[in-house]
Amino acid sequence: MPSTRKHKPVFSGVLKYFPDAIMEVARCSWAGNQQHHPDKPLFWDRDKSNDHLDALARHLIQAGEIDDDGVRHSAKVAWRALANLQLELEKAEQDAITKTKRN
C-alpha cells in the first residue's frame, strides 16, 4: 500500500481517539522543558536523555501513579515511546538515503 497522506489520519486516527492522552503528553513535554530549560521556548533537547526505552520501562513500573513533578508516569511512558519511535523513523529514513547514495 502506498504511503499517502490519506493513509495517515493524524486528526481522525490519533487526536480524536486519544484527545485527553495527547493533551497529557503535551503537558509532559512542557513540564520537561520547564525543568531543563525554563528560560527557553518549548523544544526537544535531544542531547538531554537518550535512554528512551530504559526510561520508558522505569516509568512503566510506576504506571497509574503521579511523578514528583505532577506528571503521570503513564504520560512519560507515552512521551518516551514517541521519542523512541521518532528516532527509529529518522534513522530508517537516513539509512534509506545512505543506501540510495551508495547504489
N, C-alpha and C. Protein backbone atom coordinates (compact mmCIF):
# COMPACT_ATOMS: atom_id res chain seq x y z
N MET A 1 0.84 -1.18 0.00
CA MET A 1 0.00 0.00 0.00
C MET A 1 0.88 1.24 0.00
N PRO A 2 0.68 2.14 -0.96
CA PRO A 2 1.50 3.35 -0.99
C PRO A 2 1.22 4.23 0.22
N SER A 3 2.24 4.92 0.65
CA SER A 3 2.12 5.81 1.80
C SER A 3 1.63 7.17 1.33
N THR A 4 0.35 7.44 1.57
CA THR A 4 -0.20 8.74 1.20
C THR A 4 -0.70 9.43 2.45
N ARG A 5 -0.95 10.71 2.34
CA ARG A 5 -1.45 11.46 3.49
C ARG A 5 -2.78 10.91 3.97
N LYS A 6 -3.62 10.40 3.08
CA LYS A 6 -4.92 9.85 3.49
C LYS A 6 -4.75 8.58 4.31
N HIS A 7 -3.63 7.93 4.19
CA HIS A 7 -3.36 6.72 4.97
C HIS A 7 -2.70 7.05 6.31
N LYS A 8 -2.59 8.33 6.61
CA LYS A 8 -2.01 8.79 7.88
C LYS A 8 -2.97 9.80 8.52
N PRO A 9 -4.11 9.31 9.03
CA PRO A 9 -5.14 10.21 9.56
C PRO A 9 -4.78 10.75 10.95
N VAL A 10 -3.95 11.76 10.99
CA VAL A 10 -3.46 12.29 12.26
C VAL A 10 -4.62 12.76 13.15
N PHE A 11 -5.53 13.51 12.58
CA PHE A 11 -6.64 14.02 13.39
C PHE A 11 -7.64 12.91 13.72
N SER A 12 -8.21 12.30 12.69
CA SER A 12 -9.29 11.33 12.93
C SER A 12 -8.78 10.00 13.47
N GLY A 13 -7.52 9.67 13.25
CA GLY A 13 -6.99 8.39 13.69
C GLY A 13 -6.12 8.43 14.93
N VAL A 14 -5.80 9.63 15.41
CA VAL A 14 -5.00 9.75 16.63
C VAL A 14 -5.62 10.77 17.59
N LEU A 15 -5.68 12.02 17.16
CA LEU A 15 -6.17 13.08 18.05
C LEU A 15 -7.60 12.85 18.51
N LYS A 16 -8.47 12.37 17.61
CA LYS A 16 -9.87 12.13 18.01
C LYS A 16 -9.99 10.88 18.86
N TYR A 17 -9.09 9.92 18.69
CA TYR A 17 -9.12 8.70 19.52
C TYR A 17 -8.67 8.99 20.94
N PHE A 18 -7.61 9.77 21.07
CA PHE A 18 -6.93 9.95 22.36
C PHE A 18 -6.75 11.42 22.74
N PRO A 19 -7.78 12.23 22.72
CA PRO A 19 -7.56 13.67 22.96
C PRO A 19 -6.99 13.97 24.34
N ASP A 20 -7.50 13.32 25.36
CA ASP A 20 -7.02 13.59 26.72
C ASP A 20 -5.59 13.10 26.90
N ALA A 21 -5.29 11.94 26.33
CA ALA A 21 -3.94 11.39 26.45
C ALA A 21 -2.93 12.27 25.72
N ILE A 22 -3.29 12.75 24.55
CA ILE A 22 -2.39 13.63 23.79
C ILE A 22 -2.15 14.93 24.56
N MET A 23 -3.20 15.46 25.17
CA MET A 23 -3.04 16.68 25.97
C MET A 23 -2.10 16.42 27.15
N GLU A 24 -2.20 15.25 27.75
CA GLU A 24 -1.33 14.92 28.89
C GLU A 24 0.12 14.75 28.45
N VAL A 25 0.34 14.17 27.28
CA VAL A 25 1.71 14.05 26.76
C VAL A 25 2.27 15.44 26.44
N ALA A 26 1.43 16.31 25.92
CA ALA A 26 1.87 17.69 25.66
C ALA A 26 2.24 18.39 26.96
N ARG A 27 1.44 18.16 28.02
CA ARG A 27 1.77 18.74 29.33
C ARG A 27 3.09 18.18 29.85
N CYS A 28 3.34 16.90 29.57
CA CYS A 28 4.61 16.27 29.94
C CYS A 28 5.77 16.95 29.22
N SER A 29 5.60 17.24 27.95
CA SER A 29 6.64 17.96 27.19
C SER A 29 6.93 19.31 27.81
N TRP A 30 5.85 20.03 28.13
CA TRP A 30 6.01 21.36 28.72
C TRP A 30 6.72 21.27 30.07
N ALA A 31 6.31 20.30 30.91
CA ALA A 31 6.93 20.15 32.23
C ALA A 31 8.42 19.82 32.10
N GLY A 32 8.76 18.97 31.15
CA GLY A 32 10.17 18.65 30.93
C GLY A 32 10.97 19.86 30.49
N ASN A 33 10.36 20.66 29.62
CA ASN A 33 11.04 21.87 29.16
C ASN A 33 11.23 22.85 30.32
N GLN A 34 10.22 22.97 31.17
CA GLN A 34 10.33 23.85 32.33
C GLN A 34 11.42 23.37 33.28
N GLN A 35 11.57 22.07 33.40
CA GLN A 35 12.59 21.50 34.29
C GLN A 35 14.00 21.76 33.75
N HIS A 36 14.19 21.56 32.46
CA HIS A 36 15.55 21.62 31.90
C HIS A 36 15.89 22.96 31.27
N HIS A 37 14.90 23.67 30.73
CA HIS A 37 15.15 24.93 30.02
C HIS A 37 14.02 25.93 30.27
N PRO A 38 13.82 26.34 31.52
CA PRO A 38 12.68 27.22 31.80
C PRO A 38 12.77 28.58 31.11
N ASP A 39 13.96 28.96 30.69
CA ASP A 39 14.15 30.26 30.06
C ASP A 39 14.04 30.21 28.54
N LYS A 40 13.73 29.03 27.99
CA LYS A 40 13.68 28.87 26.52
C LYS A 40 12.29 28.42 26.08
N PRO A 41 11.95 28.72 24.81
CA PRO A 41 10.69 28.21 24.27
C PRO A 41 10.71 26.68 24.24
N LEU A 42 9.56 26.08 24.17
CA LEU A 42 9.43 24.63 24.15
C LEU A 42 10.20 24.03 22.97
N PHE A 43 11.09 23.08 23.26
CA PHE A 43 11.79 22.35 22.22
C PHE A 43 12.28 21.04 22.80
N TRP A 44 12.56 20.08 21.93
CA TRP A 44 13.06 18.77 22.34
C TRP A 44 14.58 18.82 22.37
N ASP A 45 15.14 18.82 23.54
CA ASP A 45 16.60 18.81 23.70
C ASP A 45 17.06 17.36 23.57
N ARG A 46 17.43 16.98 22.38
CA ARG A 46 17.78 15.59 22.09
C ARG A 46 19.08 15.15 22.77
N ASP A 47 19.85 16.09 23.25
CA ASP A 47 21.09 15.73 23.95
C ASP A 47 20.86 15.45 25.43
N LYS A 48 19.68 15.77 25.94
CA LYS A 48 19.42 15.67 27.37
C LYS A 48 19.36 14.22 27.86
N SER A 49 18.67 13.36 27.14
CA SER A 49 18.49 11.98 27.58
C SER A 49 18.21 11.10 26.36
N ASN A 50 18.97 10.06 26.21
CA ASN A 50 18.79 9.18 25.04
C ASN A 50 18.45 7.75 25.42
N ASP A 51 18.22 7.49 26.68
CA ASP A 51 17.88 6.13 27.12
C ASP A 51 16.37 5.96 27.16
N HIS A 52 15.72 6.22 26.03
CA HIS A 52 14.26 6.27 25.99
C HIS A 52 13.60 4.97 26.45
N LEU A 53 14.11 3.83 26.01
CA LEU A 53 13.47 2.58 26.39
C LEU A 53 13.69 2.24 27.85
N ASP A 54 14.86 2.52 28.38
CA ASP A 54 15.09 2.31 29.81
C ASP A 54 14.22 3.24 30.65
N ALA A 55 14.16 4.51 30.25
CA ALA A 55 13.32 5.47 30.98
C ALA A 55 11.85 5.09 30.86
N LEU A 56 11.44 4.65 29.67
CA LEU A 56 10.07 4.20 29.48
C LEU A 56 9.74 3.07 30.46
N ALA A 57 10.64 2.11 30.56
CA ALA A 57 10.42 0.96 31.45
C ALA A 57 10.35 1.40 32.91
N ARG A 58 11.22 2.33 33.30
CA ARG A 58 11.19 2.82 34.69
C ARG A 58 9.85 3.49 35.00
N HIS A 59 9.36 4.29 34.06
CA HIS A 59 8.06 4.95 34.27
C HIS A 59 6.92 3.93 34.20
N LEU A 60 7.06 2.92 33.37
CA LEU A 60 6.03 1.90 33.24
C LEU A 60 5.81 1.16 34.56
N ILE A 61 6.89 0.95 35.29
CA ILE A 61 6.79 0.29 36.60
C ILE A 61 5.87 1.08 37.53
N GLN A 62 5.84 2.41 37.35
CA GLN A 62 5.02 3.26 38.22
C GLN A 62 3.76 3.77 37.51
N ALA A 63 3.35 3.06 36.44
CA ALA A 63 2.13 3.45 35.72
C ALA A 63 0.95 3.52 36.69
N GLY A 64 0.14 4.53 36.50
CA GLY A 64 -1.00 4.74 37.38
C GLY A 64 -0.71 5.69 38.52
N GLU A 65 0.56 6.06 38.66
CA GLU A 65 0.97 6.98 39.73
C GLU A 65 1.37 8.32 39.13
N ILE A 66 1.44 9.31 39.99
CA ILE A 66 1.88 10.66 39.60
C ILE A 66 3.32 10.84 40.05
N ASP A 67 4.18 11.36 39.16
CA ASP A 67 5.58 11.60 39.49
C ASP A 67 5.69 12.85 40.37
N ASP A 68 6.87 13.08 40.91
CA ASP A 68 7.11 14.20 41.82
C ASP A 68 6.81 15.56 41.18
N ASP A 69 6.93 15.65 39.86
CA ASP A 69 6.67 16.91 39.17
C ASP A 69 5.20 17.09 38.82
N GLY A 70 4.33 16.17 39.25
CA GLY A 70 2.90 16.28 39.00
C GLY A 70 2.44 15.67 37.69
N VAL A 71 3.36 15.09 36.95
CA VAL A 71 3.03 14.47 35.65
C VAL A 71 2.86 12.97 35.86
N ARG A 72 1.86 12.42 35.21
CA ARG A 72 1.62 10.98 35.30
C ARG A 72 2.77 10.21 34.70
N HIS A 73 3.15 9.14 35.38
CA HIS A 73 4.19 8.27 34.81
C HIS A 73 3.74 7.71 33.47
N SER A 74 2.45 7.43 33.32
CA SER A 74 1.95 6.91 32.04
C SER A 74 2.14 7.91 30.90
N ALA A 75 2.04 9.21 31.19
CA ALA A 75 2.30 10.23 30.18
C ALA A 75 3.77 10.21 29.79
N LYS A 76 4.63 9.97 30.77
CA LYS A 76 6.06 9.90 30.49
C LYS A 76 6.39 8.64 29.69
N VAL A 77 5.65 7.56 29.92
CA VAL A 77 5.80 6.34 29.11
C VAL A 77 5.47 6.67 27.66
N ALA A 78 4.34 7.33 27.46
CA ALA A 78 3.91 7.68 26.10
C ALA A 78 4.91 8.62 25.43
N TRP A 79 5.40 9.61 26.18
CA TRP A 79 6.37 10.55 25.61
C TRP A 79 7.64 9.82 25.17
N ARG A 80 8.12 8.93 26.04
CA ARG A 80 9.34 8.17 25.71
C ARG A 80 9.10 7.24 24.53
N ALA A 81 7.91 6.65 24.45
CA ALA A 81 7.60 5.78 23.30
C ALA A 81 7.59 6.59 22.01
N LEU A 82 7.01 7.79 22.05
CA LEU A 82 7.00 8.65 20.86
C LEU A 82 8.41 9.10 20.49
N ALA A 83 9.22 9.44 21.49
CA ALA A 83 10.60 9.85 21.22
C ALA A 83 11.37 8.71 20.56
N ASN A 84 11.22 7.51 21.09
CA ASN A 84 11.91 6.36 20.53
C ASN A 84 11.46 6.09 19.10
N LEU A 85 10.15 6.13 18.86
CA LEU A 85 9.63 5.90 17.51
C LEU A 85 10.12 6.97 16.54
N GLN A 86 10.12 8.23 16.98
CA GLN A 86 10.61 9.31 16.12
C GLN A 86 12.05 9.06 15.69
N LEU A 87 12.89 8.68 16.65
CA LEU A 87 14.30 8.43 16.34
C LEU A 87 14.46 7.21 15.42
N GLU A 88 13.65 6.17 15.65
CA GLU A 88 13.69 5.00 14.76
C GLU A 88 13.34 5.38 13.33
N LEU A 89 12.28 6.17 13.18
CA LEU A 89 11.85 6.58 11.84
C LEU A 89 12.90 7.47 11.16
N GLU A 90 13.49 8.37 11.92
CA GLU A 90 14.53 9.23 11.35
C GLU A 90 15.74 8.40 10.93
N LYS A 91 16.12 7.42 11.74
CA LYS A 91 17.25 6.56 11.39
C LYS A 91 16.95 5.74 10.14
N ALA A 92 15.76 5.19 10.06
CA ALA A 92 15.38 4.40 8.89
C ALA A 92 15.41 5.25 7.62
N GLU A 93 14.93 6.49 7.73
CA GLU A 93 14.97 7.39 6.59
C GLU A 93 16.41 7.71 6.19
N GLN A 94 17.25 7.99 7.18
CA GLN A 94 18.65 8.28 6.90
C GLN A 94 19.35 7.08 6.29
N ASP A 95 19.07 5.88 6.83
CA ASP A 95 19.65 4.66 6.28
C ASP A 95 19.24 4.45 4.83
N ALA A 96 17.97 4.73 4.51
CA ALA A 96 17.49 4.58 3.14
C ALA A 96 18.18 5.57 2.21
N ILE A 97 18.40 6.79 2.67
CA ILE A 97 19.10 7.79 1.88
C ILE A 97 20.53 7.36 1.64
N THR A 98 21.20 6.89 2.68
CA THR A 98 22.58 6.43 2.55
C THR A 98 22.68 5.25 1.60
N LYS A 99 21.75 4.32 1.70
CA LYS A 99 21.74 3.15 0.81
C LYS A 99 21.54 3.58 -0.65
N THR A 100 20.64 4.54 -0.87
CA THR A 100 20.37 5.02 -2.23
C THR A 100 21.61 5.70 -2.80
N LYS A 101 22.33 6.45 -1.99
CA LYS A 101 23.53 7.14 -2.46
C LYS A 101 24.63 6.16 -2.84
N ARG A 102 24.70 5.03 -2.13
CA ARG A 102 25.71 4.02 -2.43
C ARG A 102 25.45 3.30 -3.75
N ASN A 103 24.18 3.17 -4.10
CA ASN A 103 23.81 2.40 -5.31
C ASN A 103 23.84 3.22 -6.55
